[in-house]
Amino acid sequence: MVLFGGFTYQGEQQQFFGDTWEWDGTDWTQQEETGPSSRSIPCMTFDSVRGRTVLFGGIRLEATDADVNLGDTLE
């Protein structure tokens, strides 16, 4: 299982994450490779035909504290 991104609140401020974690059935391990920009609630699936994990969209926080909906696709 692979997880990417997410967010938390620091007081009234949102903090978005861009880290990737992998579950091996026993432990979570943070992956060190470079990934997409920090975001919350992206959709992610595994394409078994191509053997690729595909991530779509999510929400990013702008400097103006406005949420931006993302429509990008990353593999």
PDB file of N, CA and C in Angstrom:
ATOM      1  N   MET A   1       0.842  -1.159   0.000  1.00  0.00           N
ATOM      2  CA  MET A   1       0.000   0.000   0.000  1.00  0.00           C
ATOM      3  C   MET A   1       0.895   1.232   0.000  1.00  0.00           C
ATOM      4  N   VAL A   2       0.500   2.235  -0.764  1.00  0.00           N
ATOM      5  CA  VAL A   2       1.251   3.490  -0.856  1.00  0.00           C
ATOM      6  C   VAL A   2       0.318   4.645  -0.499  1.00  0.00           C
ATOM      7  N   LEU A   3       0.796   5.554   0.359  1.00  0.00           N
ATOM      8  CA  LEU A   3       0.050   6.764   0.720  1.00  0.00           C
ATOM      9  C   LEU A   3       0.871   7.978   0.343  1.00  0.00           C
ATOM     10  N   PHE A   4       0.187   9.033  -0.085  1.00  0.00           N
ATOM     11  CA  PHE A   4       0.877  10.274  -0.437  1.00  0.00           C
ATOM     12  C   PHE A   4       0.089  11.468   0.062  1.00  0.00           C
ATOM     13  N   GLY A   5       0.813  12.473   0.568  1.00  0.00           N
ATOM     14  CA  GLY A   5       0.220  13.763   0.898  1.00  0.00           C
ATOM     15  C   GLY A   5      -0.639  13.757   2.143  1.00  0.00           C
ATOM     16  N   GLY A   6      -1.442  14.796   2.247  1.00  0.00           N
ATOM     17  CA  GLY A   6      -2.331  14.973   3.383  1.00  0.00           C
ATOM     18  C   GLY A   6      -2.147  16.355   3.988  1.00  0.00           C
ATOM     19  N   PHE A   7      -2.854  16.614   5.088  1.00  0.00           N
ATOM     20  CA  PHE A   7      -2.710  17.906   5.748  1.00  0.00           C
ATOM     21  C   PHE A   7      -3.081  17.794   7.216  1.00  0.00           C
ATOM     22  N   THR A   8      -2.677  18.788   7.972  1.00  0.00           N
ATOM     23  CA  THR A   8      -3.042  18.926   9.375  1.00  0.00           C
ATOM     24  C   THR A   8      -3.224  20.402   9.663  1.00  0.00           C
ATOM     25  N   TYR A   9      -3.798  20.695  10.789  1.00  0.00           N
ATOM     26  CA  TYR A   9      -3.933  22.092  11.213  1.00  0.00           C
ATOM     27  C   TYR A   9      -2.880  22.412  12.260  1.00  0.00           C
ATOM     28  N   GLN A  10      -2.205  23.544  12.099  1.00  0.00           N
ATOM     29  CA  GLN A  10      -1.298  24.104  13.093  1.00  0.00           C
ATOM     30  C   GLN A  10      -2.002  25.345  13.618  1.00  0.00           C
ATOM     31  N   GLY A  11      -2.765  25.202  14.695  1.00  0.00           N
ATOM     32  CA  GLY A  11      -3.616  26.303  15.132  1.00  0.00           C
ATOM     33  C   GLY A  11      -4.735  26.461  14.125  1.00  0.00           C
ATOM     34  N   GLU A  12      -4.819  27.634  13.520  1.00  0.00           N
ATOM     35  CA  GLU A  12      -5.830  27.864  12.485  1.00  0.00           C
ATOM     36  C   GLU A  12      -5.260  27.742  11.080  1.00  0.00           C
ATOM     37  N   GLN A  13      -3.971  27.459  10.948  1.00  0.00           N
ATOM     38  CA  GLN A  13      -3.302  27.328   9.649  1.00  0.00           C
ATOM     39  C   GLN A  13      -3.269  25.869   9.205  1.00  0.00           C
ATOM     40  N   GLN A  14      -3.504  25.638   7.921  1.00  0.00           N
ATOM     41  CA  GLN A  14      -3.362  24.303   7.358  1.00  0.00           C
ATOM     42  C   GLN A  14      -1.911  24.086   6.948  1.00  0.00           C
ATOM     43  N   GLN A  15      -1.403  22.881   7.193  1.00  0.00           N
ATOM     44  CA  GLN A  15      -0.072  22.498   6.722  1.00  0.00           C
ATOM     45  C   GLN A  15      -0.248  21.286   5.808  1.00  0.00           C
ATOM     46  N   PHE A  16       0.186  21.435   4.554  1.00  0.00           N
ATOM     47  CA  PHE A  16       0.052  20.367   3.569  1.00  0.00           C
ATOM     48  C   PHE A  16       1.355  19.575   3.480  1.00  0.00           C
ATOM     49  N   PHE A  17       1.235  18.279   3.177  1.00  0.00           N
ATOM     50  CA  PHE A  17       2.396  17.399   3.100  1.00  0.00           C
ATOM     51  C   PHE A  17       2.578  16.853   1.688  1.00  0.00           C
ATOM     52  N   GLY A  18       3.815  16.533   1.333  1.00  0.00           N
ATOM     53  CA  GLY A  18       4.133  15.955   0.031  1.00  0.00           C
ATOM     54  C   GLY A  18       4.988  14.712   0.175  1.00  0.00           C
ATOM     55  N   ASP A  19       4.849  14.016   1.310  1.00  0.00           N
ATOM     56  CA  ASP A  19       5.674  12.831   1.526  1.00  0.00           C
ATOM     57  C   ASP A  19       4.929  11.563   1.115  1.00  0.00           C
ATOM     58  N   THR A  20       5.707  10.539   0.779  1.00  0.00           N
ATOM     59  CA  THR A  20       5.174   9.255   0.336  1.00  0.00           C
ATOM     60  C   THR A  20       5.574   8.184   1.341  1.00  0.00           C
ATOM     61  N   TRP A  21       4.596   7.350   1.720  1.00  0.00           N
ATOM     62  CA  TRP A  21       4.826   6.263   2.671  1.00  0.00           C
ATOM     63  C   TRP A  21       4.383   4.947   2.050  1.00  0.00           C
ATOM     64  N   GLU A  22       5.126   3.878   2.361  1.00  0.00           N
ATOM     65  CA  GLU A  22       4.809   2.552   1.846  1.00  0.00           C
ATOM     66  C   GLU A  22       4.636   1.576   3.009  1.00  0.00           C
ATOM     67  N   TRP A  23       3.570   0.765   2.952  1.00  0.00           N
ATOM     68  CA  TRP A  23       3.264  -0.244   3.967  1.00  0.00           C
ATOM     69  C   TRP A  23       3.632  -1.614   3.417  1.00  0.00           C
ATOM     70  N   ASP A  24       4.437  -2.371   4.164  1.00  0.00           N
ATOM     71  CA  ASP A  24       4.859  -3.695   3.702  1.00  0.00           C
ATOM     72  C   ASP A  24       4.094  -4.827   4.383  1.00  0.00           C
ATOM     73  N   GLY A  25       3.034  -4.486   5.108  1.00  0.00           N
ATOM     74  CA  GLY A  25       2.261  -5.485   5.833  1.00  0.00           C
ATOM     75  C   GLY A  25       2.593  -5.511   7.313  1.00  0.00           C
ATOM     76  N   THR A  26       3.730  -4.898   7.679  1.00  0.00           N
ATOM     77  CA  THR A  26       4.160  -4.833   9.076  1.00  0.00           C
ATOM     78  C   THR A  26       4.495  -3.415   9.500  1.00  0.00           C
ATOM     79  N   ASP A  27       5.237  -2.697   8.657  1.00  0.00           N
ATOM     80  CA  ASP A  27       5.733  -1.367   9.013  1.00  0.00           C
ATOM     81  C   ASP A  27       5.505  -0.361   7.891  1.00  0.00           C
ATOM     82  N   TRP A  28       5.376   0.917   8.290  1.00  0.00           N
ATOM     83  CA  TRP A  28       5.360   2.033   7.346  1.00  0.00           C
ATOM     84  C   TRP A  28       6.784   2.521   7.156  1.00  0.00           C
ATOM     85  N   THR A  29       7.175   2.783   5.895  1.00  0.00           N
ATOM     86  CA  THR A  29       8.495   3.323   5.580  1.00  0.00           C
ATOM     87  C   THR A  29       8.321   4.551   4.702  1.00  0.00           C
ATOM     88  N   GLN A  30       8.956   5.662   5.109  1.00  0.00           N
ATOM     89  CA  GLN A  30       8.888   6.868   4.289  1.00  0.00           C
ATOM     90  C   GLN A  30       9.822   6.707   3.100  1.00  0.00           C
ATOM     91  N   GLN A  31       9.302   6.980   1.901  1.00  0.00           N
ATOM     92  CA  GLN A  31      10.084   6.877   0.674  1.00  0.00           C
ATOM     93  C   GLN A  31      10.815   8.188   0.431  1.00  0.00           C
ATOM     94  N   GLU A  32      12.043   8.119  -0.013  1.00  0.00           N
ATOM     95  CA  GLU A  32      12.890   9.301  -0.130  1.00  0.00           C
ATOM     96  C   GLU A  32      12.892   9.952  -1.508  1.00  0.00           C
ATOM     97  N   GLU A  33      12.328   9.293  -2.519  1.00  0.00           N
ATOM     98  CA  GLU A  33      12.367   9.880  -3.856  1.00  0.00           C
ATOM     99  C   GLU A  33      11.518  11.147  -3.933  1.00  0.00           C
ATOM    100  N   THR A  34      11.843  11.978  -4.894  1.00  0.00           N
ATOM    101  CA  THR A  34      11.107  13.220  -5.106  1.00  0.00           C
ATOM    102  C   THR A  34       9.738  12.907  -5.694  1.00  0.00           C
ATOM    103  N   GLY A  35       8.710  13.543  -5.157  1.00  0.00           N
ATOM    104  CA  GLY A  35       7.354  13.307  -5.632  1.00  0.00           C
ATOM    105  C   GLY A  35       6.704  14.589  -6.091  1.00  0.00           C
ATOM    106  N   PRO A  36       5.406  14.544  -6.302  1.00  0.00           N
ATOM    107  CA  PRO A  36       4.678  15.742  -6.724  1.00  0.00           C
ATOM    108  C   PRO A  36       4.615  16.785  -5.610  1.00  0.00           C
ATOM    109  N   SER A  37       4.061  17.939  -5.928  1.00  0.00           N
ATOM    110  CA  SER A  37       3.940  19.017  -4.946  1.00  0.00           C
ATOM    111  C   SER A  37       3.042  18.590  -3.785  1.00  0.00           C
ATOM    112  N   SER A  38       3.241  19.233  -2.638  1.00  0.00           N
ATOM    113  CA  SER A  38       2.419  18.957  -1.457  1.00  0.00           C
ATOM    114  C   SER A  38       0.957  19.186  -1.792  1.00  0.00           C
ATOM    115  N   ARG A  39       0.095  18.295  -1.287  1.00  0.00           N
ATOM    116  CA  ARG A  39      -1.330  18.405  -1.574  1.00  0.00           C
ATOM    117  C   ARG A  39      -2.111  17.527  -0.614  1.00  0.00           C
ATOM    118  N   SER A  40      -3.397  17.781  -0.567  1.00  0.00           N
ATOM    119  CA  SER A  40      -4.303  16.996   0.258  1.00  0.00           C
ATOM    120  C   SER A  40      -5.344  16.342  -0.635  1.00  0.00           C
ATOM    121  N   ILE A  41      -5.878  15.259  -0.184  1.00  0.00           N
ATOM    122  CA  ILE A  41      -6.933  14.450  -0.815  1.00  0.00           C
ATOM    123  C   ILE A  41      -6.770  14.197  -2.321  1.00  0.00           C
ATOM    124  N   PRO A  42      -5.571  13.766  -2.759  1.00  0.00           N
ATOM    125  CA  PRO A  42      -5.464  13.319  -4.144  1.00  0.00           C
ATOM    126  C   PRO A  42      -6.091  11.927  -4.276  1.00  0.00           C
ATOM    127  N   CYS A  43      -6.375  11.512  -5.486  1.00  0.00           N
ATOM    128  CA  CYS A  43      -6.823  10.147  -5.762  1.00  0.00           C
ATOM    129  C   CYS A  43      -5.625   9.374  -6.288  1.00  0.00           C
ATOM    130  N   MET A  44      -5.491   8.121  -5.871  1.00  0.00           N
ATOM    131  CA  MET A  44      -4.341   7.341  -6.300  1.00  0.00           C
ATOM    132  C   MET A  44      -4.789   5.894  -6.504  1.00  0.00           C
ATOM    133  N   THR A  45      -4.253   5.274  -7.556  1.00  0.00           N
ATOM    134  CA  THR A  45      -4.570   3.884  -7.842  1.00  0.00           C
ATOM    135  C   THR A  45      -3.344   3.209  -8.451  1.00  0.00           C
ATOM    136  N   PHE A  46      -3.370   1.886  -8.489  1.00  0.00           N
ATOM    137  CA  PHE A  46      -2.296   1.130  -9.113  1.00  0.00           C
ATOM    138  C   PHE A  46      -2.801   0.572 -10.430  1.00  0.00           C
ATOM    139  N   ASP A  47      -2.095   0.877 -11.516  1.00  0.00           N
ATOM    140  CA  ASP A  47      -2.411   0.361 -12.846  1.00  0.00           C
ATOM    141  C   ASP A  47      -1.652  -0.957 -13.006  1.00  0.00           C
ATOM    142  N   SER A  48      -2.350  -2.069 -12.809  1.00  0.00           N
ATOM    143  CA  SER A  48      -1.689  -3.376 -12.830  1.00  0.00           C
ATOM    144  C   SER A  48      -1.216  -3.779 -14.223  1.00  0.00           C
ATOM    145  N   VAL A  49      -1.826  -3.241 -15.264  1.00  0.00           N
ATOM    146  CA  VAL A  49      -1.410  -3.561 -16.635  1.00  0.00           C
ATOM    147  C   VAL A  49      -0.023  -2.985 -16.906  1.00  0.00           C
ATOM    148  N   ARG A  50       0.205  -1.748 -16.465  1.00  0.00           N
ATOM    149  CA  ARG A  50       1.490  -1.081 -16.703  1.00  0.00           C
ATOM    150  C   ARG A  50       2.431  -1.157 -15.517  1.00  0.00           C
ATOM    151  N   GLY A  51       1.946  -1.647 -14.373  1.00  0.00           N
ATOM    152  CA  GLY A  51       2.787  -1.741 -13.183  1.00  0.00           C
ATOM    153  C   GLY A  51       3.160  -0.377 -12.625  1.00  0.00           C
ATOM    154  N   ARG A  52       2.234   0.586 -12.712  1.00  0.00           N
ATOM    155  CA  ARG A  52       2.513   1.967 -12.294  1.00  0.00           C
ATOM    156  C   ARG A  52       1.474   2.447 -11.290  1.00  0.00           C
ATOM    157  N   THR A  53       1.926   3.245 -10.309  1.00  0.00           N
ATOM    158  CA  THR A  53       1.018   3.946  -9.417  1.00  0.00           C
ATOM    159  C   THR A  53       0.692   5.283 -10.059  1.00  0.00           C
ATOM    160  N   VAL A  54      -0.591   5.630 -10.111  1.00  0.00           N
ATOM    161  CA  VAL A  54      -1.046   6.859 -10.759  1.00  0.00           C
ATOM    162  C   VAL A  54      -1.755   7.729  -9.722  1.00  0.00           C
ATOM    163  N   LEU A  55      -1.362   9.005  -9.645  1.00  0.00           N
ATOM    164  CA  LEU A  55      -1.961   9.967  -8.723  1.00  0.00           C
ATOM    165  C   LEU A  55      -2.647  11.051  -9.538  1.00  0.00           C
ATOM    166  N   PHE A  56      -3.858  11.427  -9.114  1.00  0.00           N
ATOM    167  CA  PHE A  56      -4.603  12.465  -9.819  1.00  0.00           C
ATOM    168  C   PHE A  56      -5.086  13.523  -8.841  1.00  0.00           C
ATOM    169  N   GLY A  57      -4.824  14.783  -9.186  1.00  0.00           N
ATOM    170  CA  GLY A  57      -5.430  15.925  -8.512  1.00  0.00           C
ATOM    171  C   GLY A  57      -5.086  16.111  -7.054  1.00  0.00           C
ATOM    172  N   GLY A  58      -6.048  16.659  -6.332  1.00  0.00           N
ATOM    173  CA  GLY A  58      -5.899  17.005  -4.932  1.00  0.00           C
ATOM    174  C   GLY A  58      -6.134  18.493  -4.737  1.00  0.00           C
ATOM    175  N   ILE A  59      -5.794  18.972  -3.559  1.00  0.00           N
ATOM    176  CA  ILE A  59      -5.945  20.386  -3.219  1.00  0.00           C
ATOM    177  C   ILE A  59      -4.623  20.902  -2.677  1.00  0.00           C
ATOM    178  N   ARG A  60      -4.239  22.087  -3.125  1.00  0.00           N
ATOM    179  CA  ARG A  60      -3.007  22.747  -2.671  1.00  0.00           C
ATOM    180  C   ARG A  60      -3.405  24.074  -2.032  1.00  0.00           C
ATOM    181  N   LEU A  61      -2.665  24.489  -1.031  1.00  0.00           N
ATOM    182  CA  LEU A  61      -2.927  25.768  -0.373  1.00  0.00           C
ATOM    183  C   LEU A  61      -2.007  26.831  -0.956  1.00  0.00           C
ATOM    184  N   GLU A  62      -2.584  27.935  -1.413  1.00  0.00           N
ATOM    185  CA  GLU A  62      -1.812  29.057  -1.949  1.00  0.00           C
ATOM    186  C   GLU A  62      -1.359  29.983  -0.821  1.00  0.00           C
ATOM    187  N   ALA A  63      -0.414  30.854  -1.110  1.00  0.00           N
ATOM    188  CA  ALA A  63       0.095  31.819  -0.134  1.00  0.00           C
ATOM    189  C   ALA A  63      -1.009  32.737   0.383  1.00  0.00           C
ATOM    190  N   THR A  64      -2.070  32.897  -0.385  1.00  0.00           N
ATOM    191  CA  THR A  64      -3.197  33.747   0.023  1.00  0.00           C
ATOM    192  C   THR A  64      -4.187  32.993   0.910  1.00  0.00           C
ATOM    193  N   ASP A  65      -3.819  31.778   1.330  1.00  0.00           N
ATOM    194  CA  ASP A  65      -4.680  30.894   2.124  1.00  0.00           C
ATOM    195  C   ASP A  65      -5.900  30.406   1.352  1.00  0.00           C
ATOM    196  N   ALA A  66      -5.844  30.459   0.034  1.00  0.00           N
ATOM    197  CA  ALA A  66      -6.929  29.945  -0.801  1.00  0.00           C
ATOM    198  C   ALA A  66      -6.593  28.525  -1.253  1.00  0.00           C
ATOM    199  N   ASP A  67      -7.569  27.625  -1.184  1.00  0.00           N
ATOM    200  CA  ASP A  67      -7.374  26.273  -1.689  1.00  0.00           C
ATOM    201  C   ASP A  67      -7.458  26.280  -3.210  1.00  0.00           C
ATOM    202  N   VAL A  68      -6.563  25.535  -3.857  1.00  0.00           N
ATOM    203  CA  VAL A  68      -6.547  25.419  -5.311  1.00  0.00           C
ATOM    204  C   VAL A  68      -6.772  23.954  -5.673  1.00  0.00           C
ATOM    205  N   ASN A  69      -7.807  23.684  -6.472  1.00  0.00           N
ATOM    206  CA  ASN A  69      -8.058  22.326  -6.945  1.00  0.00           C
ATOM    207  C   ASN A  69      -7.080  21.996  -8.061  1.00  0.00           C
ATOM    208  N   LEU A  70      -6.419  20.861  -7.935  1.00  0.00           N
ATOM    209  CA  LEU A  70      -5.429  20.430  -8.922  1.00  0.00           C
ATOM    210  C   LEU A  70      -6.046  19.389  -9.846  1.00  0.00           C
ATOM    211  N   GLY A  71      -5.701  19.442 -11.115  1.00  0.00           N
ATOM    212  CA  GLY A  71      -6.218  18.491 -12.089  1.00  0.00           C
ATOM    213  C   GLY A  71      -5.106  17.740 -12.796  1.00  0.00           C
ATOM    214  N   ASP A  72      -3.917  17.700 -12.184  1.00  0.00           N
ATOM    215  CA  ASP A  72      -2.789  17.043 -12.837  1.00  0.00           C
ATOM    216  C   ASP A  72      -2.797  15.541 -12.580  1.00  0.00           C
ATOM    217  N   THR A  73      -2.106  14.813 -13.445  1.00  0.00           N
ATOM    218  CA  THR A  73      -1.941  13.369 -13.314  1.00  0.00           C
ATOM    219  C   THR A  73      -0.450  13.079 -13.279  1.00  0.00           C
ATOM    220  N   LEU A  74      -0.039  12.275 -12.307  1.00  0.00           N
ATOM    221  CA  LEU A  74       1.380  11.963 -12.126  1.00  0.00           C
ATOM    222  C   LEU A  74       1.555  10.461 -11.973  1.00  0.00           C
ATOM    223  N   GLU A  75       2.672   9.945 -12.475  1.00  0.00           N
ATOM    224  CA  GLU A  75       2.976   8.513 -12.349  1.00  0.00           C
ATOM    225  C   GLU A  75       4.331   8.336 -11.724  1.00  0.00           C
TER     226      GLU A  75
END
